[in-house]
N, C-alpha and C. Protein backbone atom coordinates (compact mmCIF):
# COMPACT_ATOMS: atom_id res chain seq x y z
N LEU A 1 191.04 85.95 76.16
CA LEU A 1 189.77 86.00 75.08
C LEU A 1 189.34 87.48 75.86
N GLU A 2 189.51 87.86 76.94
CA GLU A 2 188.98 88.70 77.77
C GLU A 2 189.55 90.04 77.30
N LEU A 3 190.96 90.09 76.76
CA LEU A 3 191.67 91.02 76.67
C LEU A 3 191.09 91.79 75.11
N LEU A 4 190.96 90.65 74.33
CA LEU A 4 190.63 90.81 72.49
C LEU A 4 189.80 91.83 72.24
N PRO A 5 188.64 91.82 73.10
CA PRO A 5 187.96 92.48 72.73
C PRO A 5 187.92 94.31 72.87
N THR A 6 189.17 94.52 74.10
CA THR A 6 189.25 95.73 74.60
C THR A 6 190.45 96.64 73.32
N LEU A 7 190.87 95.42 72.59
CA LEU A 7 191.83 96.13 71.56
C LEU A 7 191.07 96.53 70.24
N GLU A 8 191.72 97.82 69.52
CA GLU A 8 191.00 98.14 68.33
C GLU A 8 190.79 97.36 67.24
N GLU A 9 189.79 97.05 66.62
CA GLU A 9 189.54 96.75 65.58
C GLU A 9 189.97 96.84 64.30
N GLU A 10 190.61 95.90 63.26
CA GLU A 10 191.58 96.36 61.87
C GLU A 10 192.27 97.27 62.55
N SER A 11 193.28 96.77 63.25
CA SER A 11 194.52 97.73 63.80
C SER A 11 195.66 96.73 63.52
N TYR A 12 195.44 95.48 63.34
CA TYR A 12 196.82 94.93 63.01
C TYR A 12 197.39 94.19 61.56
N ASP A 13 198.76 94.69 61.01
CA ASP A 13 198.78 93.84 60.01
C ASP A 13 198.94 92.37 59.72
N ARG A 14 199.68 92.05 60.80
CA ARG A 14 199.96 90.49 60.76
C ARG A 14 199.97 90.21 62.73
N ILE A 15 199.35 88.96 62.86
CA ILE A 15 199.04 88.26 64.02
C ILE A 15 200.07 86.97 63.97
N VAL A 16 200.60 86.63 64.93
CA VAL A 16 200.93 85.33 65.23
C VAL A 16 200.37 84.83 66.16
N ALA A 17 199.52 83.47 66.09
CA ALA A 17 198.77 83.13 67.29
C ALA A 17 198.87 81.68 66.98
N PRO A 18 198.97 81.28 68.37
CA PRO A 18 199.28 79.67 68.16
C PRO A 18 197.15 79.36 68.95
N ARG A 19 197.10 78.30 68.45
CA ARG A 19 195.98 77.54 69.23
C ARG A 19 195.81 77.57 70.64
N PRO A 20 194.67 77.93 71.29
CA PRO A 20 194.81 77.63 72.71
C PRO A 20 194.73 76.24 72.91
N LYS A 21 195.32 75.47 73.59
CA LYS A 21 194.98 74.52 74.45
C LYS A 21 193.63 74.59 75.30
N GLU A 22 193.03 73.29 75.19
CA GLU A 22 191.51 73.95 76.10
C GLU A 22 191.59 73.04 77.33
N GLY A 23 192.65 72.31 77.70
CA GLY A 23 192.36 71.19 78.96
C GLY A 23 191.71 70.19 78.58
N SER A 24 190.61 69.62 79.40
CA SER A 24 189.79 68.93 78.73
C SER A 24 188.74 68.92 77.96
N LEU A 25 188.80 70.28 77.34
CA LEU A 25 187.66 70.55 76.16
C LEU A 25 188.76 70.88 75.01
N ASP A 26 190.00 70.06 74.87
CA ASP A 26 190.85 70.16 73.86
C ASP A 26 190.11 69.47 72.40
N GLY A 27 190.49 70.67 71.81
CA GLY A 27 190.14 70.11 70.45
C GLY A 27 190.70 68.92 69.51
N ASP A 28 191.89 69.16 69.70
CA ASP A 28 192.23 67.45 69.88
C ASP A 28 191.63 66.31 70.21
N LEU A 29 191.24 66.31 71.05
CA LEU A 29 190.15 65.03 71.65
C LEU A 29 188.42 65.07 71.33
N GLY A 30 188.49 66.07 70.47
CA GLY A 30 187.26 66.15 69.37
C GLY A 30 186.18 66.58 70.78
N THR A 31 186.55 67.48 71.60
CA THR A 31 185.20 67.93 72.18
C THR A 31 185.15 69.64 72.67
N GLY A 32 186.19 69.84 72.19
CA GLY A 32 186.22 71.40 72.34
C GLY A 32 186.02 72.37 70.97
N ASP A 33 186.56 73.65 70.92
CA ASP A 33 185.93 74.46 69.74
C ASP A 33 187.27 74.30 68.94
N ALA A 34 188.16 73.79 69.22
CA ALA A 34 189.53 74.00 68.01
C ALA A 34 190.40 75.39 68.05
N GLY A 35 190.22 76.08 68.85
CA GLY A 35 190.40 77.53 68.96
C GLY A 35 189.55 78.23 68.32
N MET A 36 188.19 77.87 67.89
CA MET A 36 187.00 78.97 67.33
C MET A 36 186.69 79.91 68.13
N SER A 37 186.31 79.88 69.03
CA SER A 37 186.16 81.15 69.94
C SER A 37 187.51 82.22 69.90
N PHE A 38 188.53 81.80 70.14
CA PHE A 38 189.78 82.65 69.90
C PHE A 38 189.89 83.18 68.64
N LEU A 39 189.25 82.37 67.49
CA LEU A 39 190.07 83.34 66.37
C LEU A 39 188.69 84.26 65.94
N LEU A 40 187.50 84.02 66.29
CA LEU A 40 185.93 84.96 66.33
C LEU A 40 186.13 85.62 66.77
N ALA A 41 187.23 86.25 67.87
CA ALA A 41 187.37 87.20 68.93
C ALA A 41 188.93 88.09 68.28
N MET A 42 189.88 87.09 67.70
CA MET A 42 190.76 87.79 67.04
C MET A 42 190.94 88.14 65.62
N LEU A 43 190.29 87.75 64.87
CA LEU A 43 190.09 88.15 63.25
C LEU A 43 189.66 90.06 63.06
N PRO A 44 188.65 90.00 63.89
CA PRO A 44 188.34 91.56 64.00
C PRO A 44 189.46 92.62 63.38
N LEU A 45 190.44 91.95 64.63
CA LEU A 45 191.77 92.93 64.64
C LEU A 45 192.36 92.93 63.58
N LEU A 46 192.20 91.98 62.62
CA LEU A 46 192.97 92.20 61.29
C LEU A 46 192.47 93.03 60.41
N LYS A 47 193.66 93.87 59.75
CA LYS A 47 193.35 94.56 58.68
C LYS A 47 193.31 93.77 57.38
N SER A 48 191.96 94.44 56.76
CA SER A 48 192.16 93.62 55.29
C SER A 48 193.56 93.72 54.71
N LYS A 49 193.84 92.34 54.02
CA LYS A 49 195.11 92.15 53.46
C LYS A 49 196.25 91.43 54.30
N GLY A 50 195.83 91.32 55.86
CA GLY A 50 196.34 91.23 56.80
C GLY A 50 196.42 89.60 56.83
N GLU A 51 197.86 89.17 57.50
CA GLU A 51 198.21 87.82 57.59
C GLU A 51 198.21 87.22 59.22
N VAL A 52 197.65 85.86 59.03
CA VAL A 52 198.05 85.57 60.14
C VAL A 52 199.01 84.23 60.34
N HIS A 53 199.81 83.81 61.30
CA HIS A 53 200.18 83.04 61.16
C HIS A 53 199.73 81.70 62.29
N TRP A 54 198.98 80.94 62.01
CA TRP A 54 198.44 80.03 62.88
C TRP A 54 198.92 78.63 63.25
N TYR A 55 199.35 78.65 64.67
CA TYR A 55 200.08 77.37 64.82
C TYR A 55 199.04 76.38 65.35
N ASP A 56 199.05 75.41 65.09
CA ASP A 56 198.38 74.35 65.34
C ASP A 56 199.05 73.17 65.64
N PHE A 57 198.26 71.91 66.11
CA PHE A 57 199.01 70.63 66.19
C PHE A 57 198.39 69.80 64.88
N ALA A 58 198.76 68.59 64.80
CA ALA A 58 198.44 67.65 63.57
C ALA A 58 199.09 66.46 63.53
N ALA A 59 198.21 65.36 63.37
CA ALA A 59 198.63 64.12 63.46
C ALA A 59 199.55 63.92 62.05
N ASP A 60 200.42 62.95 61.55
CA ASP A 60 201.08 62.56 60.53
C ASP A 60 199.84 62.58 59.49
N HIS A 61 199.01 61.64 59.84
CA HIS A 61 198.02 61.33 58.33
C HIS A 61 197.58 62.90 58.20
N GLU A 62 197.42 63.88 58.95
CA GLU A 62 196.89 65.17 58.54
C GLU A 62 197.46 65.72 57.81
N LEU A 63 198.84 65.22 57.59
CA LEU A 63 200.01 66.02 56.80
C LEU A 63 200.33 65.56 55.25
N PRO A 64 200.20 66.79 54.13
CA PRO A 64 200.69 67.75 54.64
C PRO A 64 199.79 68.82 54.50
N ASN A 65 198.41 68.57 54.05
CA ASN A 65 197.44 69.94 54.04
C ASN A 65 196.65 70.13 54.94
N CYS A 66 196.75 69.63 56.35
CA CYS A 66 196.04 69.80 57.35
C CYS A 66 194.96 70.37 57.49
N ASP A 67 193.79 69.68 56.55
CA ASP A 67 192.58 69.84 56.23
C ASP A 67 191.62 70.20 57.51
N ARG A 68 191.45 69.44 58.62
CA ARG A 68 190.93 69.92 59.64
C ARG A 68 191.20 71.43 60.12
N THR A 69 192.53 71.51 60.39
CA THR A 69 192.58 73.02 60.73
C THR A 69 192.37 73.98 59.64
N ARG A 70 192.58 73.45 58.21
CA ARG A 70 191.90 74.81 57.16
C ARG A 70 190.73 74.77 57.30
N LYS A 71 189.87 73.44 57.49
CA LYS A 71 188.28 74.09 57.72
C LYS A 71 188.03 74.84 58.87
N THR A 72 188.78 74.52 59.73
CA THR A 72 188.47 75.23 61.33
C THR A 72 188.47 77.19 60.83
N LEU A 73 190.04 77.33 60.10
CA LEU A 73 189.95 78.73 59.49
C LEU A 73 189.06 79.39 58.78
N GLU A 74 188.86 78.44 57.64
CA GLU A 74 188.07 78.68 56.87
C GLU A 74 186.47 78.92 57.18
N SER A 75 185.90 78.14 58.27
CA SER A 75 185.02 78.07 59.13
C SER A 75 184.61 79.41 59.57
N ALA A 76 185.52 80.24 60.52
CA ALA A 76 185.86 80.96 61.30
C ALA A 76 185.64 82.49 60.39
N CYS A 77 186.69 82.47 59.09
CA CYS A 77 186.37 83.63 58.27
C CYS A 77 184.86 83.89 57.55
N GLN A 78 184.44 82.50 57.30
CA GLN A 78 183.26 82.88 56.44
C GLN A 78 181.85 83.16 57.41
N SER A 79 182.13 82.81 59.16
CA SER A 79 181.18 83.23 59.66
C SER A 79 181.25 84.57 60.19
N LEU A 80 182.56 85.28 59.75
CA LEU A 80 182.37 86.49 60.30
C LEU A 80 182.29 87.57 58.48
N GLY A 81 182.14 86.85 57.56
CA GLY A 81 181.87 87.26 56.74
C GLY A 81 183.23 87.72 55.82
N LEU A 82 184.56 87.04 56.08
CA LEU A 82 185.84 87.64 55.66
C LEU A 82 186.03 86.57 54.42
N GLU A 83 186.75 86.97 53.67
CA GLU A 83 187.18 86.01 52.59
C GLU A 83 188.76 86.09 52.86
N MET A 84 189.03 84.73 52.98
CA MET A 84 190.49 84.69 52.97
C MET A 84 191.44 83.30 52.12
N GLU A 85 192.71 83.37 51.86
CA GLU A 85 193.16 82.61 51.50
C GLU A 85 194.42 81.88 52.03
N ILE A 86 194.85 80.54 51.98
CA ILE A 86 195.83 79.93 52.61
C ILE A 86 197.02 80.10 51.68
N ILE A 87 197.91 80.77 52.17
CA ILE A 87 199.29 80.98 51.88
C ILE A 87 200.15 79.67 51.94
N HIS A 88 200.23 78.94 53.26
CA HIS A 88 201.52 78.42 53.27
C HIS A 88 201.09 77.29 54.48
N VAL A 89 201.28 75.87 54.02
CA VAL A 89 201.10 75.07 55.46
C VAL A 89 202.56 74.37 55.78
N ALA A 90 202.99 74.61 56.80
CA ALA A 90 204.46 73.80 57.19
C ALA A 90 204.65 73.32 58.52
N ARG A 91 204.90 72.06 58.69
CA ARG A 91 205.35 71.25 59.87
C ARG A 91 206.78 71.96 60.25
N VAL A 92 206.48 72.49 61.83
CA VAL A 92 207.29 73.41 62.25
C VAL A 92 208.25 72.36 63.37
N GLY A 93 207.65 71.61 63.83
CA GLY A 93 208.42 70.73 65.04
C GLY A 93 207.37 69.86 65.46
N SER A 94 208.19 68.67 65.86
CA SER A 94 207.75 67.40 66.61
C SER A 94 207.06 67.47 67.72
N ILE A 95 206.19 67.20 68.29
CA ILE A 95 205.65 67.15 69.83
C ILE A 95 205.70 65.96 70.58
N ALA A 96 205.53 65.03 69.58
CA ALA A 96 205.68 63.10 70.35
C ALA A 96 205.54 62.28 69.25
N LYS A 97 205.42 61.11 69.14
CA LYS A 97 205.37 60.38 68.14
C LYS A 97 204.48 60.62 67.32
N ARG A 98 204.36 60.74 65.94
CA ARG A 98 203.46 61.09 65.04
C ARG A 98 202.67 62.23 64.93
N GLN A 99 203.09 63.24 65.89
CA GLN A 99 202.26 64.39 66.25
C GLN A 99 203.21 65.71 65.66
N TRP A 100 202.67 66.54 65.42
CA TRP A 100 203.66 67.97 64.69
C TRP A 100 202.78 68.71 65.12
N ARG A 101 203.42 70.02 65.12
CA ARG A 101 203.41 71.57 65.09
C ARG A 101 203.14 72.10 64.02
N VAL A 102 202.09 72.51 63.39
CA VAL A 102 202.30 73.12 62.04
C VAL A 102 201.95 74.83 62.19
N CYS A 103 202.30 75.31 61.22
CA CYS A 103 201.94 76.63 61.07
C CYS A 103 201.13 76.85 59.56
N VAL A 104 199.93 77.30 60.15
CA VAL A 104 199.11 77.44 58.76
C VAL A 104 199.18 79.13 58.28
N ASP A 105 199.57 79.41 57.34
CA ASP A 105 199.47 80.80 57.31
C ASP A 105 198.41 81.68 56.19
N PHE A 106 198.05 82.49 56.75
CA PHE A 106 196.90 82.62 55.81
C PHE A 106 196.64 84.16 55.77
N ARG A 107 195.87 84.51 54.56
CA ARG A 107 195.83 86.08 54.28
C ARG A 107 194.00 86.42 54.30
N ILE A 108 193.69 87.34 54.64
CA ILE A 108 192.00 88.25 54.41
C ILE A 108 192.25 88.82 53.38
N VAL A 109 191.46 88.66 52.42
CA VAL A 109 191.53 88.70 50.89
C VAL A 109 190.47 89.91 51.35
N ALA A 110 189.57 89.82 51.60
CA ALA A 110 188.42 90.95 51.72
C ALA A 110 187.45 91.02 52.99
N LYS A 111 187.29 91.93 53.31
CA LYS A 111 186.27 92.46 54.20
C LYS A 111 185.00 92.97 54.06
N PRO A 112 183.82 92.41 54.80
CA PRO A 112 182.79 92.88 54.57
C PRO A 112 182.52 94.71 54.43
N ALA A 113 181.59 95.22 53.30
CA ALA A 113 181.88 96.78 53.28
C ALA A 113 181.12 96.90 54.77
């Protein structure tokens, strides 16, 4: 988080980003921000029409839509005045019994003027 503000805004076409694990404040436990602070620092770096490959974790009952992750991404974009669209959601690997690593690909459709 300390490095992101030093980078030039709107300078990236694509960002590959794993949701940070937050130790005792892990979003999976319901006590963290689920990567929201990271998203709010990262999204201004993305150009309009830029894409993000956001890696997260999901329980098997959240698949295939990953609504919790989608809501976090949509909320971060809305708070910055960004319009976004989900391109694809994929299960990319098992991390434990009934727990999955997922990738949600989304695109910034419009930025505020």
